[in-house]
Amino acid sequence: MIIRTAIPLIAEYGTSVTTAKIARAAGIGEGTIFRVFADKDELLQACITEALSPENAVRELDAIDVSAPLPDRLAEAAEALQAHMSRMGAILGSLGHGGGKHPGTVRGAGREESATRIRAALAELLEPDRAALRRPPEQVAALFFGLLFVQPRTGDEPDLTPQELVEVFLHGTLSGSAA
């Protein structure tokens, strides 16, 4: 509960957030934080660990109804994974972890293992449509996950919505008349 409360505050204030502010937001006494964490640095590290953990993303992906149409499942997955990436970026950015370097093992999962677990959950979402896919669900999951991470940003065009991203992913970039 302390970590869940602290993450948005750390994203907003960075390392300047006080344990008193976190305690007030959590509705607990500041001393309670120090009964759980040795010091503020340990709390910050726990928040980084939580933000980078694939567990929340995998849990959200596992909760998606596999009987829903594929475009709906993928749009929901895109929303969940974009939220996960946003949490990671907010925490790391506010704490000065610029660049793409993963700060290490998170709950036993390093960067590659985290990505593997998320891709496996995506592949499970694709499994009901295995026969309709041109490639195995695992490969389609890896492509979709990669597209989410490298979604092109252009100055004059807004980011694609999850639904638009899924449309391009599933049907390509050609208009109906050009296809």
C-alpha atoms as a PDB file:
ATOM      1  CA  MET A   1       0.000   0.000   0.000  1.00  0.00           C
ATOM      2  CA  ILE A   2       2.884   2.353   0.781  1.00  0.00           C
ATOM      3  CA  ILE A   3       4.545   1.619  -2.558  1.00  0.00           C
ATOM      4  CA  ARG A   4       1.286   2.046  -4.537  1.00  0.00           C
ATOM      5  CA  THR A   5       0.770   5.411  -2.827  1.00  0.00           C
ATOM      6  CA  ALA A   6       4.384   6.500  -3.272  1.00  0.00           C
ATOM      7  CA  ILE A   7       4.747   5.728  -6.995  1.00  0.00           C
ATOM      8  CA  PRO A   8       2.575   8.601  -8.327  1.00  0.00           C
ATOM      9  CA  LEU A   9       4.143  10.990  -5.807  1.00  0.00           C
ATOM     10  CA  ILE A  10       7.637   9.964  -6.878  1.00  0.00           C
ATOM     11  CA  ALA A  11       6.626  10.347 -10.519  1.00  0.00           C
ATOM     12  CA  GLU A  12       5.494  13.904  -9.733  1.00  0.00           C
ATOM     13  CA  TYR A  13       8.168  15.065  -7.266  1.00  0.00           C
ATOM     14  CA  GLY A  14      11.119  12.746  -7.885  1.00  0.00           C
ATOM     15  CA  THR A  15      13.553  12.264  -5.030  1.00  0.00           C
ATOM     16  CA  SER A  16      12.383  15.495  -3.399  1.00  0.00           C
ATOM     17  CA  VAL A  17       9.143  13.821  -2.262  1.00  0.00           C
ATOM     18  CA  THR A  18       9.200  13.525   1.509  1.00  0.00           C
ATOM     19  CA  THR A  19       8.294  10.472   3.501  1.00  0.00           C
ATOM     20  CA  ALA A  20       5.888  12.732   5.414  1.00  0.00           C
ATOM     21  CA  LYS A  21       4.051  13.532   2.149  1.00  0.00           C
ATOM     22  CA  ILE A  22       3.894   9.827   1.264  1.00  0.00           C
ATOM     23  CA  ALA A  23       2.614   8.962   4.746  1.00  0.00           C
ATOM     24  CA  ARG A  24      -0.101  11.642   4.573  1.00  0.00           C
ATOM     25  CA  ALA A  25      -1.231  10.411   1.155  1.00  0.00           C
ATOM     26  CA  ALA A  26      -1.309   6.819   2.461  1.00  0.00           C
ATOM     27  CA  GLY A  27      -3.193   7.822   5.586  1.00  0.00           C
ATOM     28  CA  ILE A  28      -0.523   6.448   7.901  1.00  0.00           C
ATOM     29  CA  GLY A  29       2.037   7.866  10.287  1.00  0.00           C
ATOM     30  CA  GLU A  30       5.500   8.590   8.911  1.00  0.00           C
ATOM     31  CA  GLY A  31       6.966   6.161  11.433  1.00  0.00           C
ATOM     32  CA  THR A  32       5.050   3.327   9.760  1.00  0.00           C
ATOM     33  CA  ILE A  33       7.117   3.851   6.613  1.00  0.00           C
ATOM     34  CA  PHE A  34      10.304   3.352   8.623  1.00  0.00           C
ATOM     35  CA  ARG A  35       8.960   0.179  10.218  1.00  0.00           C
ATOM     36  CA  VAL A  36       8.645  -1.230   6.697  1.00  0.00           C
ATOM     37  CA  PHE A  37      11.662   0.400   4.992  1.00  0.00           C
ATOM     38  CA  ALA A  38      15.070   1.101   6.544  1.00  0.00           C
ATOM     39  CA  ASP A  39      15.236   4.545   4.919  1.00  0.00           C
ATOM     40  CA  LYS A  40      13.901   6.640   2.061  1.00  0.00           C
ATOM     41  CA  ASP A  41      16.407   5.129  -0.391  1.00  0.00           C
ATOM     42  CA  GLU A  42      15.056   1.651   0.317  1.00  0.00           C
ATOM     43  CA  LEU A  43      11.520   2.927  -0.290  1.00  0.00           C
ATOM     44  CA  LEU A  44      12.603   4.543  -3.581  1.00  0.00           C
ATOM     45  CA  GLN A  45      14.268   1.296  -4.679  1.00  0.00           C
ATOM     46  CA  ALA A  46      11.119  -0.660  -3.816  1.00  0.00           C
ATOM     47  CA  CYS A  47       9.098   1.768  -5.949  1.00  0.00           C
ATOM     48  CA  ILE A  48      11.486   1.338  -8.883  1.00  0.00           C
ATOM     49  CA  THR A  49      11.220  -2.428  -8.480  1.00  0.00           C
ATOM     50  CA  GLU A  50       7.422  -2.253  -8.468  1.00  0.00           C
ATOM     51  CA  ALA A  51       7.258   0.099 -11.458  1.00  0.00           C
ATOM     52  CA  LEU A  52       9.555  -2.115 -13.547  1.00  0.00           C
ATOM     53  CA  SER A  53       8.024  -5.421 -12.493  1.00  0.00           C
ATOM     54  CA  PRO A  54       6.183  -7.198 -15.305  1.00  0.00           C
ATOM     55  CA  GLU A  55       3.713  -8.668 -12.789  1.00  0.00           C
ATOM     56  CA  ASN A  56       1.109  -5.889 -13.069  1.00  0.00           C
ATOM     57  CA  ALA A  57       1.236  -5.901 -16.861  1.00  0.00           C
ATOM     58  CA  VAL A  58       0.998  -9.700 -17.026  1.00  0.00           C
ATOM     59  CA  ARG A  59      -1.910  -9.681 -14.562  1.00  0.00           C
ATOM     60  CA  GLU A  60      -3.736  -7.087 -16.690  1.00  0.00           C
ATOM     61  CA  LEU A  61      -3.111  -9.098 -19.863  1.00  0.00           C
ATOM     62  CA  ASP A  62      -4.302 -12.292 -18.182  1.00  0.00           C
ATOM     63  CA  ALA A  63      -7.549 -10.526 -17.193  1.00  0.00           C
ATOM     64  CA  ILE A  64      -8.493  -9.757 -20.815  1.00  0.00           C
ATOM     65  CA  ASP A  65     -11.414 -11.857 -22.030  1.00  0.00           C
ATOM     66  CA  VAL A  66     -10.038 -14.233 -24.685  1.00  0.00           C
ATOM     67  CA  SER A  67     -13.532 -14.687 -26.128  1.00  0.00           C
ATOM     68  CA  ALA A  68     -13.627 -11.007 -27.192  1.00  0.00           C
ATOM     69  CA  PRO A  69     -12.815 -10.208 -30.841  1.00  0.00           C
ATOM     70  CA  LEU A  70      -9.089 -10.091 -31.584  1.00  0.00           C
ATOM     71  CA  PRO A  71      -8.994  -6.322 -32.319  1.00  0.00           C
ATOM     72  CA  ASP A  72     -10.669  -5.615 -28.963  1.00  0.00           C
ATOM     73  CA  ARG A  73      -8.254  -7.899 -27.100  1.00  0.00           C
ATOM     74  CA  LEU A  74      -5.236  -6.280 -28.730  1.00  0.00           C
ATOM     75  CA  ALA A  75      -6.533  -2.740 -28.083  1.00  0.00           C
ATOM     76  CA  GLU A  76      -7.019  -3.607 -24.411  1.00  0.00           C
ATOM     77  CA  ALA A  77      -3.554  -5.165 -24.320  1.00  0.00           C
ATOM     78  CA  ALA A  78      -2.073  -2.041 -25.941  1.00  0.00           C
ATOM     79  CA  GLU A  79      -3.738   0.151 -23.307  1.00  0.00           C
ATOM     80  CA  ALA A  80      -2.417  -2.045 -20.484  1.00  0.00           C
ATOM     81  CA  LEU A  81       1.119  -2.135 -21.882  1.00  0.00           C
ATOM     82  CA  GLN A  82       1.190   1.592 -22.669  1.00  0.00           C
ATOM     83  CA  ALA A  83       0.142   2.253 -19.048  1.00  0.00           C
ATOM     84  CA  HIS A  84       2.922  -0.081 -17.861  1.00  0.00           C
ATOM     85  CA  MET A  85       5.503   1.696 -20.017  1.00  0.00           C
ATOM     86  CA  SER A  86       4.213   5.065 -18.843  1.00  0.00           C
ATOM     87  CA  ARG A  87       4.614   4.033 -15.175  1.00  0.00           C
ATOM     88  CA  MET A  88       8.144   2.841 -15.860  1.00  0.00           C
ATOM     89  CA  GLY A  89       9.063   6.037 -17.686  1.00  0.00           C
ATOM     90  CA  ALA A  90       7.510   8.311 -15.069  1.00  0.00           C
ATOM     91  CA  ILE A  91       9.365   6.703 -12.186  1.00  0.00           C
ATOM     92  CA  LEU A  92      12.708   6.340 -13.932  1.00  0.00           C
ATOM     93  CA  GLY A  93      12.505   9.819 -15.438  1.00  0.00           C
ATOM     94  CA  SER A  94      11.660  11.461 -12.132  1.00  0.00           C
ATOM     95  CA  LEU A  95      14.507   9.689 -10.397  1.00  0.00           C
ATOM     96  CA  GLY A  96      17.046  10.654 -13.044  1.00  0.00           C
ATOM     97  CA  HIS A  97      17.396   7.278 -14.743  1.00  0.00           C
ATOM     98  CA  GLY A  98      17.613   8.862 -18.184  1.00  0.00           C
ATOM     99  CA  GLY A  99      18.262   6.614 -21.134  1.00  0.00           C
ATOM    100  CA  GLY A 100      17.134   3.077 -21.654  1.00  0.00           C
ATOM    101  CA  LYS A 101      19.334   1.247 -19.166  1.00  0.00           C
ATOM    102  CA  HIS A 102      17.344  -1.145 -17.021  1.00  0.00           C
ATOM    103  CA  PRO A 103      18.530  -0.687 -13.416  1.00  0.00           C
ATOM    104  CA  GLY A 104      18.884  -4.416 -12.839  1.00  0.00           C
ATOM    105  CA  THR A 105      16.944  -7.440 -11.742  1.00  0.00           C
ATOM    106  CA  VAL A 106      13.353  -6.825 -10.665  1.00  0.00           C
ATOM    107  CA  ARG A 107      11.675  -9.503  -8.538  1.00  0.00           C
ATOM    108  CA  GLY A 108      13.952 -12.042 -10.116  1.00  0.00           C
ATOM    109  CA  ALA A 109      13.189 -10.709 -13.603  1.00  0.00           C
ATOM    110  CA  GLY A 110      15.759  -8.787 -15.595  1.00  0.00           C
ATOM    111  CA  ARG A 111      14.896  -6.877 -18.746  1.00  0.00           C
ATOM    112  CA  GLU A 112      14.883  -9.908 -21.048  1.00  0.00           C
ATOM    113  CA  GLU A 113      12.894 -12.104 -18.667  1.00  0.00           C
ATOM    114  CA  SER A 114      10.365  -9.298 -18.140  1.00  0.00           C
ATOM    115  CA  ALA A 115       9.886  -8.916 -21.887  1.00  0.00           C
ATOM    116  CA  THR A 116       9.619 -12.698 -22.291  1.00  0.00           C
ATOM    117  CA  ARG A 117       6.890 -12.922 -19.644  1.00  0.00           C
ATOM    118  CA  ILE A 118       4.900 -10.107 -21.250  1.00  0.00           C
ATOM    119  CA  ARG A 119       5.266 -11.619 -24.740  1.00  0.00           C
ATOM    120  CA  ALA A 120       4.080 -14.987 -23.398  1.00  0.00           C
ATOM    121  CA  ALA A 121       0.959 -13.347 -21.916  1.00  0.00           C
ATOM    122  CA  LEU A 122       0.333 -11.623 -25.268  1.00  0.00           C
ATOM    123  CA  ALA A 123       0.734 -14.947 -27.076  1.00  0.00           C
ATOM    124  CA  GLU A 124      -1.949 -16.447 -24.820  1.00  0.00           C
ATOM    125  CA  LEU A 125      -4.302 -13.648 -25.915  1.00  0.00           C
ATOM    126  CA  LEU A 126      -3.620 -14.560 -29.547  1.00  0.00           C
ATOM    127  CA  GLU A 127      -3.952 -18.320 -29.104  1.00  0.00           C
ATOM    128  CA  PRO A 128      -7.732 -18.494 -29.827  1.00  0.00           C
ATOM    129  CA  ASP A 129      -6.978 -17.046 -33.297  1.00  0.00           C
ATOM    130  CA  ARG A 130      -3.982 -19.288 -34.057  1.00  0.00           C
ATOM    131  CA  ALA A 131      -5.592 -20.731 -37.203  1.00  0.00           C
ATOM    132  CA  ALA A 132      -6.296 -17.264 -38.631  1.00  0.00           C
ATOM    133  CA  LEU A 133      -2.802 -15.883 -37.945  1.00  0.00           C
ATOM    134  CA  ARG A 134      -0.146 -15.953 -40.664  1.00  0.00           C
ATOM    135  CA  ARG A 135       2.577 -16.502 -38.078  1.00  0.00           C
ATOM    136  CA  PRO A 136       2.645 -18.385 -34.732  1.00  0.00           C
ATOM    137  CA  PRO A 137       1.079 -16.476 -31.806  1.00  0.00           C
ATOM    138  CA  GLU A 138       4.491 -16.164 -30.131  1.00  0.00           C
ATOM    139  CA  GLN A 139       5.945 -14.373 -33.153  1.00  0.00           C
ATOM    140  CA  VAL A 140       2.884 -12.149 -33.589  1.00  0.00           C
ATOM    141  CA  ALA A 141       3.091 -11.290 -29.879  1.00  0.00           C
ATOM    142  CA  ALA A 142       6.764 -10.317 -30.239  1.00  0.00           C
ATOM    143  CA  LEU A 143       5.955  -8.114 -33.256  1.00  0.00           C
ATOM    144  CA  PHE A 144       3.053  -6.412 -31.459  1.00  0.00           C
ATOM    145  CA  PHE A 145       5.111  -5.856 -28.309  1.00  0.00           C
ATOM    146  CA  GLY A 146       7.936  -4.397 -30.402  1.00  0.00           C
ATOM    147  CA  LEU A 147       5.546  -2.072 -32.206  1.00  0.00           C
ATOM    148  CA  LEU A 148       4.263  -0.750 -28.887  1.00  0.00           C
ATOM    149  CA  PHE A 149       7.801   0.071 -27.780  1.00  0.00           C
ATOM    150  CA  VAL A 150       8.862   1.768 -30.998  1.00  0.00           C
ATOM    151  CA  GLN A 151       5.608   3.439 -31.998  1.00  0.00           C
ATOM    152  CA  PRO A 152       6.854   6.255 -34.211  1.00  0.00           C
ATOM    153  CA  ARG A 153       6.472   9.741 -32.840  1.00  0.00           C
ATOM    154  CA  THR A 154       6.170  12.584 -35.308  1.00  0.00           C
ATOM    155  CA  GLY A 155       5.867  16.244 -34.477  1.00  0.00           C
ATOM    156  CA  ASP A 156       2.911  16.904 -36.742  1.00  0.00           C
ATOM    157  CA  GLU A 157       0.863  13.752 -36.056  1.00  0.00           C
ATOM    158  CA  PRO A 158      -0.656  12.702 -32.723  1.00  0.00           C
ATOM    159  CA  ASP A 159       0.243   9.321 -31.264  1.00  0.00           C
ATOM    160  CA  LEU A 160      -1.911   6.474 -32.471  1.00  0.00           C
ATOM    161  CA  THR A 161      -4.694   5.425 -30.114  1.00  0.00           C
ATOM    162  CA  PRO A 162      -4.584   1.776 -29.060  1.00  0.00           C
ATOM    163  CA  GLN A 163      -7.420   1.059 -31.509  1.00  0.00           C
ATOM    164  CA  GLU A 164      -5.587   2.812 -34.384  1.00  0.00           C
ATOM    165  CA  LEU A 165      -2.380   0.956 -33.541  1.00  0.00           C
ATOM    166  CA  VAL A 166      -4.245  -2.370 -33.644  1.00  0.00           C
ATOM    167  CA  GLU A 167      -5.880  -1.437 -36.965  1.00  0.00           C
ATOM    168  CA  VAL A 168      -2.494  -0.710 -38.545  1.00  0.00           C
ATOM    169  CA  PHE A 169      -0.981  -3.823 -36.975  1.00  0.00           C
ATOM    170  CA  LEU A 170      -3.741  -6.152 -38.168  1.00  0.00           C
ATOM    171  CA  HIS A 171      -4.534  -4.580 -41.550  1.00  0.00           C
ATOM    172  CA  GLY A 172      -1.422  -2.706 -42.606  1.00  0.00           C
ATOM    173  CA  THR A 173      -1.032   0.866 -43.730  1.00  0.00           C
ATOM    174  CA  LEU A 174      -2.615   0.733 -47.183  1.00  0.00           C
ATOM    175  CA  SER A 175      -6.069   2.206 -47.612  1.00  0.00           C
ATOM    176  CA  GLY A 176      -8.805  -0.054 -48.953  1.00  0.00           C
ATOM    177  CA  SER A 177      -8.521   1.391 -52.467  1.00  0.00           C
ATOM    178  CA  ALA A 178      -4.717   1.020 -52.554  1.00  0.00           C
ATOM    179  CA  ALA A 179      -4.829  -2.556 -51.258  1.00  0.00           C
END
